[in-house]
Amino acid sequence: MIVAHLPDGVCRIRITTEPMFSRSEFVPLILESMLEGERKLLIDLGLVSMLHSPSLANLVTIHITLAKRDNEMILTGLHEKNLRILQITKLDRLFTVINAA
């Protein structure tokens, strides 16, 4: 996982290993990566070849937690297969997705 703190209150996280992404420790690790004052979390999934149930559950948990804080989660870099998974599960209606790979 690579974390970058960008201007305008954006925290960008690039997921670099799929096994970590599916673990229960992933959610607190992501949320703790955001600095005070950062209001947007940009998660780059370009290196994730397949979204599985645990990773989808983690994304939902992160989204809900951030929404309660009036913060935003944005997914980027999704491969076509992963976009299709979001569509099938209707999570494309919940998540903001930009810049698909």
N, C-alpha and C. Protein backbone atom coordinates (compact mmCIF):
# COMPACT_ATOMS: atom_id res chain seq x y z
N MET A 1 0.85 -1.17 0.00
CA MET A 1 0.00 0.00 0.00
C MET A 1 0.90 1.23 0.00
N ILE A 2 0.62 2.13 -0.92
CA ILE A 2 1.38 3.38 -1.01
C ILE A 2 0.42 4.52 -0.71
N VAL A 3 0.79 5.36 0.26
CA VAL A 3 -0.06 6.47 0.69
C VAL A 3 0.59 7.78 0.26
N ALA A 4 -0.22 8.67 -0.31
CA ALA A 4 0.25 10.01 -0.68
C ALA A 4 -0.79 11.02 -0.19
N HIS A 5 -0.31 12.08 0.41
CA HIS A 5 -1.19 13.15 0.88
C HIS A 5 -1.10 14.29 -0.12
N LEU A 6 -2.19 14.53 -0.83
CA LEU A 6 -2.24 15.49 -1.92
C LEU A 6 -2.85 16.81 -1.43
N PRO A 7 -2.67 17.86 -2.22
CA PRO A 7 -3.29 19.14 -1.85
C PRO A 7 -4.82 19.02 -1.82
N ASP A 8 -5.44 20.01 -1.27
CA ASP A 8 -6.90 20.10 -1.21
C ASP A 8 -7.55 19.00 -0.39
N GLY A 9 -6.85 18.49 0.62
CA GLY A 9 -7.44 17.54 1.55
C GLY A 9 -7.72 16.17 0.97
N VAL A 10 -6.84 15.70 0.09
CA VAL A 10 -7.02 14.39 -0.54
C VAL A 10 -5.93 13.43 -0.08
N CYS A 11 -6.34 12.25 0.34
CA CYS A 11 -5.42 11.17 0.66
C CYS A 11 -5.57 10.12 -0.43
N ARG A 12 -4.47 9.83 -1.15
CA ARG A 12 -4.50 8.82 -2.21
C ARG A 12 -3.79 7.57 -1.72
N ILE A 13 -4.46 6.44 -1.85
CA ILE A 13 -3.88 5.16 -1.45
C ILE A 13 -3.91 4.22 -2.65
N ARG A 14 -2.74 3.70 -2.98
CA ARG A 14 -2.64 2.72 -4.07
C ARG A 14 -2.50 1.34 -3.43
N ILE A 15 -3.43 0.46 -3.75
CA ILE A 15 -3.39 -0.90 -3.23
C ILE A 15 -2.38 -1.68 -4.06
N THR A 16 -1.38 -2.26 -3.40
CA THR A 16 -0.30 -2.94 -4.11
C THR A 16 -0.33 -4.45 -3.95
N THR A 17 -1.06 -4.95 -2.98
CA THR A 17 -1.16 -6.41 -2.80
C THR A 17 -2.61 -6.79 -2.52
N GLU A 18 -3.12 -7.70 -3.30
CA GLU A 18 -4.51 -8.12 -3.13
C GLU A 18 -4.79 -8.82 -1.80
N PRO A 19 -3.89 -9.71 -1.31
CA PRO A 19 -4.20 -10.37 -0.04
C PRO A 19 -4.44 -9.39 1.11
N MET A 20 -3.65 -8.32 1.16
CA MET A 20 -3.82 -7.33 2.22
C MET A 20 -5.19 -6.66 2.10
N PHE A 21 -5.62 -6.42 0.88
CA PHE A 21 -6.86 -5.73 0.59
C PHE A 21 -8.07 -6.50 1.12
N SER A 22 -7.97 -7.80 1.21
CA SER A 22 -9.09 -8.64 1.65
C SER A 22 -9.08 -8.93 3.15
N ARG A 23 -8.07 -8.48 3.85
CA ARG A 23 -7.95 -8.79 5.28
C ARG A 23 -8.76 -7.82 6.13
N SER A 24 -9.17 -8.28 7.30
CA SER A 24 -9.97 -7.44 8.19
C SER A 24 -9.19 -6.25 8.72
N GLU A 25 -7.86 -6.36 8.78
CA GLU A 25 -7.04 -5.24 9.27
C GLU A 25 -6.97 -4.10 8.26
N PHE A 26 -7.46 -4.33 7.07
CA PHE A 26 -7.35 -3.34 6.00
C PHE A 26 -8.11 -2.06 6.33
N VAL A 27 -9.33 -2.18 6.85
CA VAL A 27 -10.16 -1.00 7.10
C VAL A 27 -9.51 -0.04 8.08
N PRO A 28 -9.09 -0.48 9.28
CA PRO A 28 -8.45 0.48 10.18
C PRO A 28 -7.16 1.04 9.61
N LEU A 29 -6.42 0.23 8.88
CA LEU A 29 -5.17 0.70 8.27
C LEU A 29 -5.44 1.85 7.30
N ILE A 30 -6.47 1.71 6.50
CA ILE A 30 -6.84 2.76 5.54
C ILE A 30 -7.31 4.01 6.27
N LEU A 31 -8.22 3.85 7.21
CA LEU A 31 -8.78 5.00 7.90
C LEU A 31 -7.72 5.75 8.70
N GLU A 32 -6.76 5.04 9.27
CA GLU A 32 -5.69 5.68 10.02
C GLU A 32 -4.69 6.39 9.11
N SER A 33 -4.70 6.08 7.83
CA SER A 33 -3.78 6.72 6.89
C SER A 33 -4.19 8.15 6.56
N MET A 34 -5.45 8.47 6.77
CA MET A 34 -5.91 9.82 6.46
C MET A 34 -5.47 10.78 7.56
N LEU A 35 -4.99 11.94 7.13
CA LEU A 35 -4.55 12.97 8.06
C LEU A 35 -5.74 13.85 8.46
N GLU A 36 -5.58 14.52 9.58
CA GLU A 36 -6.58 15.49 10.04
C GLU A 36 -6.80 16.51 8.92
N GLY A 37 -8.06 16.76 8.61
CA GLY A 37 -8.39 17.75 7.58
C GLY A 37 -8.55 17.17 6.18
N GLU A 38 -8.14 15.93 5.98
CA GLU A 38 -8.35 15.32 4.66
C GLU A 38 -9.80 14.85 4.57
N ARG A 39 -10.47 15.25 3.50
CA ARG A 39 -11.90 14.97 3.37
C ARG A 39 -12.22 14.00 2.24
N LYS A 40 -11.22 13.70 1.42
CA LYS A 40 -11.43 12.76 0.32
C LYS A 40 -10.39 11.66 0.38
N LEU A 41 -10.86 10.44 0.16
CA LEU A 41 -9.97 9.29 0.09
C LEU A 41 -10.07 8.72 -1.31
N LEU A 42 -8.97 8.76 -2.04
CA LEU A 42 -8.89 8.24 -3.40
C LEU A 42 -8.18 6.90 -3.33
N ILE A 43 -8.88 5.82 -3.63
CA ILE A 43 -8.30 4.48 -3.58
C ILE A 43 -8.04 4.00 -5.00
N ASP A 44 -6.76 3.81 -5.33
CA ASP A 44 -6.34 3.35 -6.65
C ASP A 44 -6.29 1.83 -6.65
N LEU A 45 -7.16 1.22 -7.44
CA LEU A 45 -7.26 -0.24 -7.51
C LEU A 45 -6.67 -0.80 -8.79
N GLY A 46 -5.79 -0.04 -9.43
CA GLY A 46 -5.21 -0.45 -10.71
C GLY A 46 -4.42 -1.74 -10.66
N LEU A 47 -3.88 -2.10 -9.50
CA LEU A 47 -3.09 -3.33 -9.37
C LEU A 47 -3.92 -4.50 -8.83
N VAL A 48 -5.19 -4.27 -8.59
CA VAL A 48 -6.07 -5.32 -8.08
C VAL A 48 -6.75 -6.00 -9.26
N SER A 49 -6.41 -7.27 -9.48
CA SER A 49 -6.95 -7.97 -10.65
C SER A 49 -8.38 -8.46 -10.45
N MET A 50 -8.77 -8.71 -9.20
CA MET A 50 -10.11 -9.26 -8.95
C MET A 50 -10.62 -8.80 -7.60
N LEU A 51 -11.82 -8.22 -7.59
CA LEU A 51 -12.47 -7.85 -6.34
C LEU A 51 -13.25 -9.06 -5.82
N HIS A 52 -12.93 -9.48 -4.61
CA HIS A 52 -13.61 -10.62 -3.97
C HIS A 52 -14.54 -10.09 -2.88
N SER A 53 -15.37 -10.96 -2.34
CA SER A 53 -16.33 -10.56 -1.31
C SER A 53 -15.71 -9.82 -0.13
N PRO A 54 -14.60 -10.31 0.44
CA PRO A 54 -14.01 -9.58 1.58
C PRO A 54 -13.54 -8.17 1.20
N SER A 55 -12.99 -8.03 0.02
CA SER A 55 -12.53 -6.70 -0.39
C SER A 55 -13.72 -5.77 -0.64
N LEU A 56 -14.80 -6.29 -1.20
CA LEU A 56 -16.01 -5.48 -1.39
C LEU A 56 -16.59 -5.07 -0.04
N ALA A 57 -16.60 -5.99 0.91
CA ALA A 57 -17.10 -5.67 2.25
C ALA A 57 -16.24 -4.58 2.89
N ASN A 58 -14.93 -4.66 2.71
CA ASN A 58 -14.04 -3.63 3.25
C ASN A 58 -14.33 -2.27 2.62
N LEU A 59 -14.56 -2.25 1.31
CA LEU A 59 -14.87 -0.98 0.64
C LEU A 59 -16.18 -0.39 1.15
N VAL A 60 -17.18 -1.23 1.36
CA VAL A 60 -18.46 -0.75 1.90
C VAL A 60 -18.26 -0.17 3.30
N THR A 61 -17.51 -0.86 4.14
CA THR A 61 -17.25 -0.38 5.50
C THR A 61 -16.53 0.96 5.48
N ILE A 62 -15.52 1.09 4.63
CA ILE A 62 -14.78 2.35 4.52
C ILE A 62 -15.72 3.45 4.04
N HIS A 63 -16.51 3.17 3.03
CA HIS A 63 -17.44 4.16 2.49
C HIS A 63 -18.41 4.65 3.57
N ILE A 64 -19.01 3.73 4.30
CA ILE A 64 -19.98 4.09 5.34
C ILE A 64 -19.31 4.91 6.44
N THR A 65 -18.14 4.48 6.87
CA THR A 65 -17.41 5.20 7.93
C THR A 65 -17.09 6.62 7.49
N LEU A 66 -16.60 6.77 6.27
CA LEU A 66 -16.26 8.11 5.78
C LEU A 66 -17.50 8.97 5.59
N ALA A 67 -18.59 8.38 5.11
CA ALA A 67 -19.83 9.14 4.92
C ALA A 67 -20.34 9.68 6.24
N LYS A 68 -20.21 8.90 7.31
CA LYS A 68 -20.63 9.37 8.64
C LYS A 68 -19.80 10.56 9.10
N ARG A 69 -18.57 10.65 8.61
CA ARG A 69 -17.68 11.77 8.95
C ARG A 69 -17.81 12.92 7.94
N ASP A 70 -18.76 12.79 7.02
CA ASP A 70 -18.95 13.77 5.95
C ASP A 70 -17.72 13.84 5.03
N ASN A 71 -17.08 12.69 4.85
CA ASN A 71 -15.94 12.56 3.94
C ASN A 71 -16.35 11.71 2.75
N GLU A 72 -15.49 11.67 1.74
CA GLU A 72 -15.83 10.99 0.50
C GLU A 72 -14.77 9.96 0.12
N MET A 73 -15.21 8.82 -0.40
CA MET A 73 -14.31 7.81 -0.94
C MET A 73 -14.52 7.74 -2.45
N ILE A 74 -13.42 7.74 -3.19
CA ILE A 74 -13.46 7.65 -4.65
C ILE A 74 -12.57 6.49 -5.07
N LEU A 75 -13.10 5.63 -5.93
CA LEU A 75 -12.32 4.51 -6.47
C LEU A 75 -11.83 4.88 -7.86
N THR A 76 -10.59 4.51 -8.14
CA THR A 76 -10.01 4.79 -9.45
C THR A 76 -9.16 3.62 -9.91
N GLY A 77 -8.90 3.56 -11.20
CA GLY A 77 -8.00 2.56 -11.76
C GLY A 77 -8.59 1.17 -11.88
N LEU A 78 -9.90 1.04 -11.77
CA LEU A 78 -10.51 -0.29 -11.84
C LEU A 78 -10.42 -0.88 -13.24
N HIS A 79 -10.09 -2.15 -13.30
CA HIS A 79 -10.10 -2.87 -14.56
C HIS A 79 -11.55 -3.17 -14.93
N GLU A 80 -11.78 -3.42 -16.20
CA GLU A 80 -13.14 -3.67 -16.71
C GLU A 80 -13.85 -4.78 -15.93
N LYS A 81 -13.13 -5.84 -15.61
CA LYS A 81 -13.71 -6.96 -14.86
C LYS A 81 -14.21 -6.50 -13.49
N ASN A 82 -13.44 -5.64 -12.83
CA ASN A 82 -13.84 -5.16 -11.51
C ASN A 82 -15.00 -4.17 -11.60
N LEU A 83 -15.02 -3.37 -12.66
CA LEU A 83 -16.17 -2.49 -12.87
C LEU A 83 -17.45 -3.33 -13.04
N ARG A 84 -17.32 -4.42 -13.76
CA ARG A 84 -18.47 -5.30 -13.98
C ARG A 84 -18.95 -5.91 -12.66
N ILE A 85 -18.01 -6.27 -11.80
CA ILE A 85 -18.38 -6.80 -10.47
C ILE A 85 -19.16 -5.76 -9.68
N LEU A 86 -18.71 -4.51 -9.73
CA LEU A 86 -19.44 -3.44 -9.04
C LEU A 86 -20.84 -3.27 -9.62
N GLN A 87 -20.97 -3.40 -10.94
CA GLN A 87 -22.29 -3.27 -11.57
C GLN A 87 -23.21 -4.43 -11.17
N ILE A 88 -22.68 -5.64 -11.19
CA ILE A 88 -23.49 -6.82 -10.85
C ILE A 88 -23.98 -6.73 -9.40
N THR A 89 -23.12 -6.27 -8.51
CA THR A 89 -23.48 -6.16 -7.09
C THR A 89 -24.21 -4.87 -6.77
N LYS A 90 -24.38 -4.02 -7.78
CA LYS A 90 -25.03 -2.71 -7.65
C LYS A 90 -24.23 -1.74 -6.77
N LEU A 91 -22.99 -2.08 -6.48
CA LEU A 91 -22.15 -1.17 -5.69
C LEU A 91 -21.69 0.03 -6.50
N ASP A 92 -21.84 -0.04 -7.82
CA ASP A 92 -21.52 1.13 -8.65
C ASP A 92 -22.48 2.28 -8.34
N ARG A 93 -23.62 1.97 -7.73
CA ARG A 93 -24.56 3.01 -7.32
C ARG A 93 -24.17 3.65 -5.99
N LEU A 94 -23.39 2.93 -5.21
CA LEU A 94 -22.95 3.42 -3.90
C LEU A 94 -21.64 4.19 -4.00
N PHE A 95 -20.69 3.64 -4.75
CA PHE A 95 -19.35 4.21 -4.83
C PHE A 95 -19.23 5.22 -5.96
N THR A 96 -18.35 6.19 -5.75
CA THR A 96 -17.93 7.08 -6.83
C THR A 96 -16.73 6.45 -7.50
N VAL A 97 -16.83 6.23 -8.82
CA VAL A 97 -15.76 5.59 -9.58
C VAL A 97 -15.35 6.54 -10.69
N ILE A 98 -14.03 6.81 -10.77
CA ILE A 98 -13.52 7.67 -11.85
C ILE A 98 -12.30 7.02 -12.49
N ASN A 99 -12.00 7.45 -13.69
CA ASN A 99 -10.74 7.09 -14.35
C ASN A 99 -10.49 5.60 -14.39
N ALA A 100 -11.45 4.85 -14.93
CA ALA A 100 -11.30 3.40 -15.02
C ALA A 100 -10.14 3.04 -15.92
N ALA A 101 -9.40 1.98 -15.57
CA ALA A 101 -8.24 1.55 -16.36
C ALA A 101 -8.69 0.93 -17.66
